[in-house]
Amino acid sequence: MTIPRKRIEDIQHIGFISTRLSGNDGVSLEAEKWANVLEDLGYFCYYFAGELDHPPERSFLSPKAHFQYQEIREINEFVFRNTIRTTEISDKIESLKKELLHDIHDFVTRFHIDLLIVENAFAIPMNIPLGLALTEFVAVTGIPTVAHNHDFYWERKRFSVNCVWDYLNTAFPPRHPFIRQVVINSEARMQVALRRGGAAIIIPNIMDFENPLPLRDDYTADVRHSLGIGEKEFFILQPTRVVQRKGIEHSIELVRRLKERGVEAVLVISHASGDEGSGYELRLREFSGLLDVKVHFVSDIIGTKRGRTEDGRKIYSLFDVYPYADLVTYPSNYEGFGNAFLEAIYFKKPVMINNYSIYTHDIKPKGFKVIEIDDYIRDDNVDSIIGLMKNPDTRDEMVEYNYELGRRFYSYSNLRRQLKFIISDFFGEN
């Protein structure tokens, strides 16, 4: 099967492929933004993954594509703990690759896909057979493909011991004339050049700054009560997963320091731990108890959309919660970019942020006004936060200034311009 190269005016159908395109993880959220922009440009978007929450008529569910599929989990548990691979593991990877290759072929055929956008499946080897299958599919069909890479395996310690270097060098990411590499920060672009000898385009994460969301409605009127926040308590939102690199202990320490200054605060953590285990969450629960502060883990009532839990409680979207926060904390040790940072700017909230490397190199030079920490909280950080609490005019000036910077550098219009360039690079001008 060879995909014929069409003229740009004949391009209609774009297929997104990933392990999971569902929920409120960063990859799924950014893929949705790309799809929104592409559909505004007149394209139709379709979705292939092991978990999906998109309309069935535009979806192709392939359970083997999920990183939680039993055989994929067994492969990962072996290959990232050993340095010598067994024949059985190699055979299992090859078998799953062939099955996934068949599914990808069916997806492209069923929906007449003209262009593929691979969301992180060429970057993080959570599903090695999927990366290999996609690489082979591009090689045998020549289908134009965008590799949208959010974070690479070499950025994660847990992938450093393995017995699959040959696979990683082949497909994570692959180097191929029909694949355009897109990364979200300048460090990743440099690493792709060093490791693969190829160029990458930087497209940072974005928000729809041209269209602010309504801040509050009747449904969200009880958000603070549902999250366990008293009327006079200071609401600090940590809008991230519970994983160690998020540095959440700094947010907990901030609550304690505010308490010592007479400010009763509550830290609300929006997401669960995801695929990285519960050990860190247990550590944070213990730490908050030692410091005698209020920390609420509320992933059970914050989801991608509104609804009800099995016991009848309201489920809010993360965007329902942001408008009620007094401060957003983002004390990560490392981030590929910073979704939560942009969201806080979008919802006009003050931000406390750690000077992680990508922020320092790519975001900070834009001139955002935030409360910065350098791997620990200082007294002047606490002073700044209390100062913003006492001076709403200063706070409002800060967040409005930040919003304007976000609109200039991280809006849908910037993404629209770059996607049009990539598509015309593949298919020529009209």
Protein backbone atom coordinates (compact mmCIF):
# COMPACT_ATOMS: atom_id res chain seq x y z
CA MET A 1 0.00 0.00 0.00
CA THR A 2 1.44 3.34 -1.09
CA ILE A 3 -0.30 6.58 -0.15
CA PRO A 4 -0.47 8.83 -3.26
CA ARG A 5 0.82 12.37 -2.70
CA LYS A 6 -2.15 14.71 -3.10
CA ARG A 7 -2.37 18.39 -3.89
CA ILE A 8 -2.88 20.58 -0.83
CA GLU A 9 -6.43 21.53 -1.89
CA ASP A 10 -7.37 17.83 -1.89
CA ILE A 11 -6.21 17.17 1.68
CA GLN A 12 -9.20 16.54 3.93
CA HIS A 13 -8.64 13.81 6.52
CA ILE A 14 -6.06 13.95 9.31
CA GLY A 15 -5.50 11.02 11.66
CA PHE A 16 -4.24 11.35 15.23
CA ILE A 17 -2.49 8.28 16.67
CA SER A 18 -1.37 7.70 20.25
CA THR A 19 -1.48 5.17 23.07
CA ARG A 20 -4.30 7.15 24.69
CA LEU A 21 -6.37 10.08 23.46
CA SER A 22 -8.66 10.47 26.42
CA GLY A 23 -8.79 12.31 29.72
CA ASN A 24 -6.91 15.34 30.97
CA ASP A 25 -3.28 14.27 30.55
CA GLY A 26 -1.07 16.76 28.73
CA VAL A 27 -0.74 14.77 25.49
CA SER A 28 -4.50 14.31 25.09
CA LEU A 29 -5.19 17.96 25.89
CA GLU A 30 -2.66 19.28 23.39
CA ALA A 31 -3.84 16.86 20.71
CA GLU A 32 -7.36 18.20 21.20
CA LYS A 33 -6.12 21.77 20.71
CA TRP A 34 -4.35 20.79 17.49
CA ALA A 35 -7.52 19.10 16.27
CA ASN A 36 -9.58 22.21 17.07
CA VAL A 37 -7.24 24.40 15.02
CA LEU A 38 -7.12 21.93 12.13
CA GLU A 39 -10.90 21.65 12.02
CA ASP A 40 -11.14 25.46 12.01
CA LEU A 41 -8.91 25.30 8.93
CA GLY A 42 -11.43 22.98 7.26
CA TYR A 43 -9.93 19.53 7.89
CA PHE A 44 -11.66 16.48 9.39
CA CYS A 45 -9.87 14.78 12.29
CA TYR A 46 -9.94 11.08 13.21
CA TYR A 47 -8.47 9.22 16.16
CA PHE A 48 -6.61 5.93 16.73
CA ALA A 49 -5.55 4.84 20.23
CA GLY A 50 -5.91 2.22 22.94
CA GLU A 51 -8.27 4.51 24.87
CA LEU A 52 -10.50 7.13 23.29
CA ASP A 53 -13.20 9.60 24.32
CA HIS A 54 -13.88 10.99 20.84
CA PRO A 55 -17.04 10.41 18.74
CA PRO A 56 -17.26 6.73 17.69
CA GLU A 57 -17.84 7.67 14.07
CA ARG A 58 -14.37 9.26 14.01
CA SER A 59 -12.57 6.75 16.21
CA PHE A 60 -10.64 3.51 15.77
CA LEU A 61 -10.09 1.74 19.09
CA SER A 62 -7.11 -0.61 19.12
CA PRO A 63 -6.70 -2.01 22.67
CA LYS A 64 -3.15 -3.20 21.94
CA ALA A 65 -2.11 0.42 21.37
CA HIS A 66 -2.64 1.24 25.06
CA PHE A 67 0.34 1.17 27.42
CA GLN A 68 -1.91 -0.57 29.96
CA TYR A 69 -2.66 -3.52 27.65
CA GLN A 70 -1.55 -6.62 29.55
CA GLU A 71 1.07 -7.84 27.07
CA ILE A 72 2.48 -4.32 26.70
CA ARG A 73 2.79 -4.02 30.48
CA GLU A 74 4.61 -7.36 30.62
CA ILE A 75 7.02 -6.21 27.91
CA ASN A 76 7.72 -2.92 29.70
CA GLU A 77 8.26 -4.59 33.07
CA PHE A 78 10.91 -6.83 31.52
CA VAL A 79 12.72 -4.61 29.03
CA PHE A 80 13.20 -1.65 31.41
CA ARG A 81 14.64 -3.80 34.18
CA ASN A 82 17.07 -5.95 32.21
CA THR A 83 20.01 -5.41 29.88
CA ILE A 84 19.68 -8.69 27.93
CA ARG A 85 16.53 -9.48 25.97
CA THR A 86 15.02 -12.95 25.68
CA THR A 87 13.87 -14.46 22.40
CA GLU A 88 10.37 -14.69 23.85
CA ILE A 89 10.23 -10.94 24.45
CA SER A 90 11.54 -10.21 20.95
CA ASP A 91 8.94 -12.54 19.45
CA LYS A 92 6.16 -10.94 21.49
CA ILE A 93 7.19 -7.44 20.37
CA GLU A 94 7.31 -8.54 16.74
CA SER A 95 3.92 -10.26 16.96
CA LEU A 96 2.23 -7.22 18.52
CA LYS A 97 3.91 -4.95 15.98
CA LYS A 98 2.35 -6.93 13.12
CA GLU A 99 -1.10 -6.82 14.73
CA LEU A 100 -0.84 -3.07 15.30
CA LEU A 101 0.43 -2.55 11.75
CA HIS A 102 -2.74 -4.25 10.51
CA ASP A 103 -4.91 -1.98 12.70
CA ILE A 104 -3.12 1.17 11.52
CA HIS A 105 -3.64 0.09 7.91
CA ASP A 106 -7.37 -0.41 8.59
CA PHE A 107 -7.62 2.99 10.29
CA VAL A 108 -5.98 4.82 7.40
CA THR A 109 -8.08 2.94 4.84
CA ARG A 110 -11.41 3.30 6.67
CA PHE A 111 -11.12 7.07 7.12
CA HIS A 112 -9.12 7.88 3.95
CA ILE A 113 -6.36 9.49 6.00
CA ASP A 114 -4.12 11.94 4.12
CA LEU A 115 -1.82 13.00 6.97
CA LEU A 116 -0.89 11.33 10.27
CA ILE A 117 -0.12 13.15 13.51
CA VAL A 118 1.58 10.81 16.00
CA GLU A 119 1.13 12.08 19.54
CA ASN A 120 4.17 11.11 21.65
CA ALA A 121 4.16 7.50 20.43
CA PHE A 122 7.49 8.21 18.68
CA ALA A 123 8.96 9.80 21.82
CA ILE A 124 8.16 7.77 24.96
CA PRO A 125 8.48 3.96 24.57
CA MET A 126 5.42 3.13 26.66
CA ASN A 127 4.32 0.93 23.75
CA ILE A 128 7.34 -0.28 21.78
CA PRO A 129 5.35 -2.36 19.26
CA LEU A 130 3.22 0.69 18.41
CA GLY A 131 6.29 2.84 17.71
CA LEU A 132 7.81 0.11 15.55
CA ALA A 133 4.54 -0.46 13.68
CA LEU A 134 4.14 3.24 12.94
CA THR A 135 7.73 3.49 11.73
CA GLU A 136 7.24 0.58 9.35
CA PHE A 137 3.88 1.89 8.16
CA VAL A 138 5.43 5.21 7.17
CA ALA A 139 8.35 3.40 5.51
CA VAL A 140 6.14 1.18 3.33
CA THR A 141 3.42 3.72 2.49
CA GLY A 142 5.19 7.08 2.44
CA ILE A 143 2.26 8.71 4.22
CA PRO A 144 3.13 12.25 5.36
CA THR A 145 3.49 12.15 9.14
CA VAL A 146 4.00 14.69 11.90
CA ALA A 147 5.67 13.36 15.04
CA HIS A 148 4.33 15.58 17.84
CA ASN A 149 6.85 14.79 20.58
CA HIS A 150 6.06 15.98 24.11
CA ASP A 151 8.84 14.27 26.09
CA PHE A 152 11.54 11.77 25.12
CA TYR A 153 12.72 8.58 26.79
CA TRP A 154 16.19 10.03 27.46
CA GLU A 155 14.52 12.60 29.75
CA ARG A 156 13.20 9.87 32.07
CA LYS A 157 15.41 7.95 34.47
CA ARG A 158 13.20 4.85 34.40
CA PHE A 159 14.07 4.18 30.73
CA SER A 160 17.84 4.44 31.16
CA VAL A 161 18.28 0.72 31.98
CA ASN A 162 16.91 -1.39 29.15
CA CYS A 163 17.54 -4.17 26.64
CA VAL A 164 15.85 -2.48 23.66
CA TRP A 165 18.38 0.08 22.46
CA ASP A 166 17.96 -1.21 18.91
CA TYR A 167 14.23 -0.49 19.01
CA LEU A 168 14.70 2.90 20.66
CA ASN A 169 17.20 3.96 18.02
CA THR A 170 14.86 2.78 15.27
CA ALA A 171 11.56 4.31 16.32
CA PHE A 172 11.89 6.73 19.25
CA PRO A 173 11.97 8.89 17.26
CA PRO A 174 12.56 7.51 13.76
CA ARG A 175 14.43 9.44 11.10
CA HIS A 176 12.55 9.34 7.81
CA PRO A 177 12.02 11.80 4.93
CA PHE A 178 8.22 11.56 5.28
CA ILE A 179 8.24 12.36 9.02
CA ARG A 180 8.43 15.93 10.34
CA GLN A 181 9.64 16.09 13.94
CA VAL A 182 7.85 18.61 16.16
CA VAL A 183 9.05 19.30 19.71
CA ILE A 184 7.75 21.65 22.39
CA ASN A 185 10.98 23.21 23.64
CA SER A 186 14.45 24.26 22.50
CA GLU A 187 16.30 21.62 24.55
CA ALA A 188 14.37 18.84 22.80
CA ARG A 189 15.19 20.33 19.40
CA MET A 190 18.88 20.29 20.25
CA GLN A 191 18.72 16.69 21.50
CA VAL A 192 16.92 15.49 18.36
CA ALA A 193 19.66 17.08 16.27
CA LEU A 194 22.42 15.50 18.38
CA ARG A 195 20.86 12.04 18.66
CA ARG A 196 19.18 11.67 15.27
CA GLY A 197 21.06 14.12 13.08
CA GLY A 198 17.80 15.71 11.97
CA ALA A 199 15.98 19.00 12.35
CA ALA A 200 12.90 19.56 14.48
CA ILE A 201 10.35 22.35 14.57
CA ILE A 202 9.45 23.93 17.92
CA ILE A 203 5.71 24.32 18.50
CA PRO A 204 5.11 25.11 22.17
CA ASN A 205 1.93 24.28 24.01
CA ILE A 206 -0.87 26.77 23.50
CA MET A 207 -4.16 28.07 24.88
CA ASP A 208 -7.06 29.79 23.13
CA PHE A 209 -6.18 33.26 24.41
CA GLU A 210 -8.28 34.91 21.68
CA ASN A 211 -11.42 33.40 23.25
CA PRO A 212 -11.53 33.60 27.07
CA LEU A 213 -13.88 31.12 28.72
CA PRO A 214 -16.79 32.25 30.92
CA LEU A 215 -15.34 32.23 34.42
CA ARG A 216 -18.25 30.97 36.52
CA ASP A 217 -21.79 29.64 36.20
CA ASP A 218 -24.47 28.09 38.39
CA TYR A 219 -22.97 24.60 38.11
CA THR A 220 -19.68 25.70 39.64
CA ALA A 221 -21.12 27.89 42.39
CA ASP A 222 -20.37 25.21 45.01
CA VAL A 223 -16.83 24.38 43.86
CA ARG A 224 -15.10 25.65 46.98
CA HIS A 225 -17.50 23.76 49.24
CA SER A 226 -17.13 20.54 47.21
CA LEU A 227 -13.34 20.81 47.43
CA GLY A 228 -13.48 21.27 51.20
CA ILE A 229 -12.37 24.91 51.27
CA GLY A 230 -13.75 27.21 53.93
CA GLU A 231 -15.15 30.63 53.10
CA LYS A 232 -12.12 32.48 54.51
CA GLU A 233 -9.45 29.96 53.52
CA PHE A 234 -6.87 30.73 50.83
CA PHE A 235 -7.32 28.32 47.90
CA ILE A 236 -4.04 27.07 46.38
CA LEU A 237 -4.42 24.89 43.29
CA GLN A 238 -1.79 22.36 42.19
CA PRO A 239 -3.18 21.39 38.74
CA THR A 240 -0.85 18.46 38.02
CA ARG A 241 -0.51 14.73 38.34
CA VAL A 242 0.94 13.38 41.57
CA VAL A 243 4.41 12.42 40.36
CA GLN A 244 7.75 13.17 41.97
CA ARG A 245 9.09 15.56 39.33
CA LYS A 246 6.17 17.91 40.06
CA GLY A 247 7.82 18.94 43.34
CA ILE A 248 4.51 19.07 45.22
CA GLU A 249 6.24 19.02 48.61
CA HIS A 250 7.15 22.68 47.91
CA SER A 251 3.45 23.53 47.62
CA ILE A 252 2.79 21.76 50.91
CA GLU A 253 5.61 23.68 52.55
CA LEU A 254 4.09 26.92 51.26
CA VAL A 255 0.81 26.11 53.02
CA ARG A 256 2.74 25.62 56.25
CA ARG A 257 4.67 28.88 55.85
CA LEU A 258 1.45 30.79 55.20
CA LYS A 259 -0.09 29.21 58.28
CA GLU A 260 2.84 30.44 60.37
CA ARG A 261 2.09 33.94 59.04
CA GLY A 262 -1.57 33.73 60.04
CA VAL A 263 -2.99 32.73 56.64
CA GLU A 264 -5.16 29.61 56.64
CA ALA A 265 -4.67 27.96 53.26
CA VAL A 266 -5.77 24.73 51.59
CA LEU A 267 -3.80 22.97 48.85
CA VAL A 268 -5.95 21.16 46.29
CA ILE A 269 -4.24 18.62 44.00
CA SER A 270 -6.34 18.02 40.91
CA HIS A 271 -4.93 14.88 39.26
CA ALA A 272 -4.11 11.32 40.26
CA SER A 273 -0.68 9.72 39.95
CA GLY A 274 -1.40 8.12 36.57
CA ASP A 275 1.02 5.46 35.34
CA GLU A 276 3.83 6.17 37.83
CA GLY A 277 2.49 4.48 40.97
CA SER A 278 1.13 5.69 44.31
CA GLY A 279 4.32 5.83 46.38
CA TYR A 280 4.81 9.57 45.96
CA GLU A 281 1.20 10.30 46.89
CA LEU A 282 1.61 8.32 50.12
CA ARG A 283 4.75 10.33 50.85
CA LEU A 284 2.87 13.62 50.32
CA ARG A 285 0.01 12.56 52.56
CA GLU A 286 2.49 11.72 55.30
CA PHE A 287 4.39 14.98 54.77
CA SER A 288 1.24 17.11 54.98
CA GLY A 289 0.36 15.35 58.22
CA LEU A 290 3.79 16.07 59.66
CA LEU A 291 3.40 19.77 58.80
CA ASP A 292 -0.21 19.82 60.03
CA VAL A 293 -1.64 21.46 56.90
CA LYS A 294 -4.69 20.85 54.74
CA VAL A 295 -4.01 19.05 51.47
CA HIS A 296 -6.92 17.63 49.47
CA PHE A 297 -6.47 15.02 46.72
CA VAL A 298 -9.56 15.45 44.56
CA SER A 299 -8.95 13.56 41.31
CA ASP A 300 -12.17 11.64 41.94
CA ILE A 301 -14.27 14.78 41.35
CA ILE A 302 -12.16 16.57 38.72
CA GLY A 303 -12.34 15.10 35.24
CA THR A 304 -12.35 16.07 31.60
CA LYS A 305 -16.02 17.01 31.69
CA ARG A 306 -18.88 17.51 34.09
CA GLY A 307 -20.84 14.61 35.47
CA ARG A 308 -21.57 12.62 38.60
CA THR A 309 -19.61 10.04 40.57
CA GLU A 310 -21.16 6.67 41.32
CA ASP A 311 -22.17 7.96 44.76
CA GLY A 312 -23.83 11.06 43.29
CA ARG A 313 -21.21 13.77 43.84
CA LYS A 314 -20.60 16.41 41.19
CA ILE A 315 -17.66 16.01 38.84
CA TYR A 316 -16.09 19.28 37.69
CA SER A 317 -13.76 19.91 34.80
CA LEU A 318 -10.37 21.37 35.67
CA PHE A 319 -11.47 24.54 33.88
CA ASP A 320 -14.44 24.74 36.27
CA VAL A 321 -12.01 24.86 39.19
CA TYR A 322 -9.41 27.36 37.99
CA PRO A 323 -11.60 30.48 38.36
CA TYR A 324 -11.98 29.87 42.10
CA ALA A 325 -8.28 29.46 42.89
CA ASP A 326 -6.41 32.25 44.66
CA LEU A 327 -2.97 30.99 43.61
CA VAL A 328 -1.63 28.29 41.27
CA THR A 329 1.52 26.42 42.27
CA TYR A 330 3.80 24.82 39.69
CA PRO A 331 7.01 23.85 41.52
CA SER A 332 8.13 21.17 39.05
CA ASN A 333 11.73 20.00 38.88
CA TYR A 334 11.32 19.24 35.18
CA GLU A 335 8.66 19.81 32.52
CA GLY A 336 8.63 19.35 28.78
CA PHE A 337 6.90 22.70 28.58
CA GLY A 338 4.24 23.69 31.10
CA ASN A 339 0.53 23.18 30.43
CA ALA A 340 -0.45 24.17 33.95
CA PHE A 341 1.55 27.39 33.67
CA LEU A 342 -0.30 28.44 30.52
CA GLU A 343 -3.65 27.47 32.04
CA ALA A 344 -2.96 29.65 35.08
CA ILE A 345 -2.06 32.57 32.80
CA TYR A 346 -5.22 31.93 30.74
CA PHE A 347 -7.42 32.02 33.85
CA LYS A 348 -5.60 35.12 35.13
CA LYS A 349 -4.20 33.58 38.30
CA PRO A 350 -0.96 34.42 40.12
CA VAL A 351 1.60 31.63 39.75
CA MET A 352 4.35 30.32 41.98
CA ILE A 353 6.77 28.44 39.74
CA ASN A 354 10.08 26.66 40.14
CA ASN A 355 12.86 27.69 37.77
CA TYR A 356 12.95 24.39 35.88
CA SER A 357 15.21 24.42 32.84
CA ILE A 358 12.62 24.73 30.06
CA TYR A 359 10.88 27.57 31.88
CA THR A 360 14.21 29.36 32.31
CA HIS A 361 15.28 28.94 28.66
CA ASP A 362 12.02 29.18 26.71
CA ILE A 363 9.30 30.88 28.78
CA LYS A 364 10.93 33.23 31.27
CA PRO A 365 12.61 35.38 28.57
CA LYS A 366 9.13 36.38 27.34
CA GLY A 367 8.81 38.49 30.51
CA PHE A 368 6.05 36.87 32.57
CA LYS A 369 5.55 38.22 36.09
CA VAL A 370 5.45 35.28 38.50
CA ILE A 371 6.67 34.22 41.93
CA GLU A 372 9.83 32.21 41.25
CA ILE A 373 11.51 29.69 43.53
CA ASP A 374 14.85 27.99 42.99
CA ASP A 375 14.22 24.48 44.36
CA TYR A 376 13.22 25.86 47.76
CA ILE A 377 10.83 28.46 49.17
CA ARG A 378 12.29 31.66 50.57
CA ASP A 379 10.74 34.18 52.95
CA ASP A 380 10.47 36.75 50.17
CA ASN A 381 8.35 34.29 48.15
CA VAL A 382 5.87 34.13 51.02
CA ASP A 383 6.03 37.92 51.35
CA SER A 384 5.15 38.29 47.66
CA ILE A 385 2.15 35.99 47.94
CA ILE A 386 0.80 37.76 51.01
CA GLY A 387 1.41 41.08 49.26
CA LEU A 388 -0.76 40.00 46.32
CA MET A 389 -3.49 38.90 48.75
CA LYS A 390 -3.51 42.34 50.36
CA ASN A 391 -3.23 44.33 47.12
CA PRO A 392 -5.79 43.14 44.57
CA ASP A 393 -4.94 46.00 42.19
CA THR A 394 -1.33 44.81 41.99
CA ARG A 395 -2.52 41.24 41.46
CA ASP A 396 -4.93 42.28 38.71
CA GLU A 397 -2.23 44.27 36.93
CA MET A 398 0.09 41.24 37.07
CA VAL A 399 -2.39 38.72 35.67
CA GLU A 400 -3.62 41.04 32.91
CA TYR A 401 -0.03 41.69 31.83
CA ASN A 402 0.66 37.94 31.77
CA TYR A 403 -2.51 37.26 29.77
CA GLU A 404 -1.41 39.67 27.06
CA LEU A 405 1.98 37.94 26.83
CA GLY A 406 0.22 34.58 26.57
CA ARG A 407 -1.93 35.91 23.73
CA ARG A 408 1.15 37.13 21.87
CA PHE A 409 3.27 34.00 22.17
CA TYR A 410 1.09 30.97 22.99
CA SER A 411 -2.24 31.46 21.24
CA TYR A 412 -4.13 29.40 18.69
CA SER A 413 -3.13 31.88 15.99
CA ASN A 414 0.52 30.93 16.47
CA LEU A 415 -0.31 27.22 16.17
CA ARG A 416 -2.48 27.87 13.12
CA ARG A 417 0.40 29.59 11.32
CA GLN A 418 2.85 26.76 12.09
CA LEU A 419 0.48 23.94 11.11
CA LYS A 420 -0.26 25.63 7.80
CA PHE A 421 3.49 25.81 7.18
CA ILE A 422 3.98 22.08 7.91
CA ILE A 423 1.08 21.04 5.69
CA SER A 424 2.28 23.21 2.81
CA ASP A 425 5.79 21.79 3.29
CA PHE A 426 4.35 18.31 2.67
CA PHE A 427 1.85 19.08 -0.07
CA GLY A 428 2.97 22.37 -1.63
CA GLU A 429 1.08 25.63 -1.96
CA ASN A 430 -2.38 25.99 -3.45
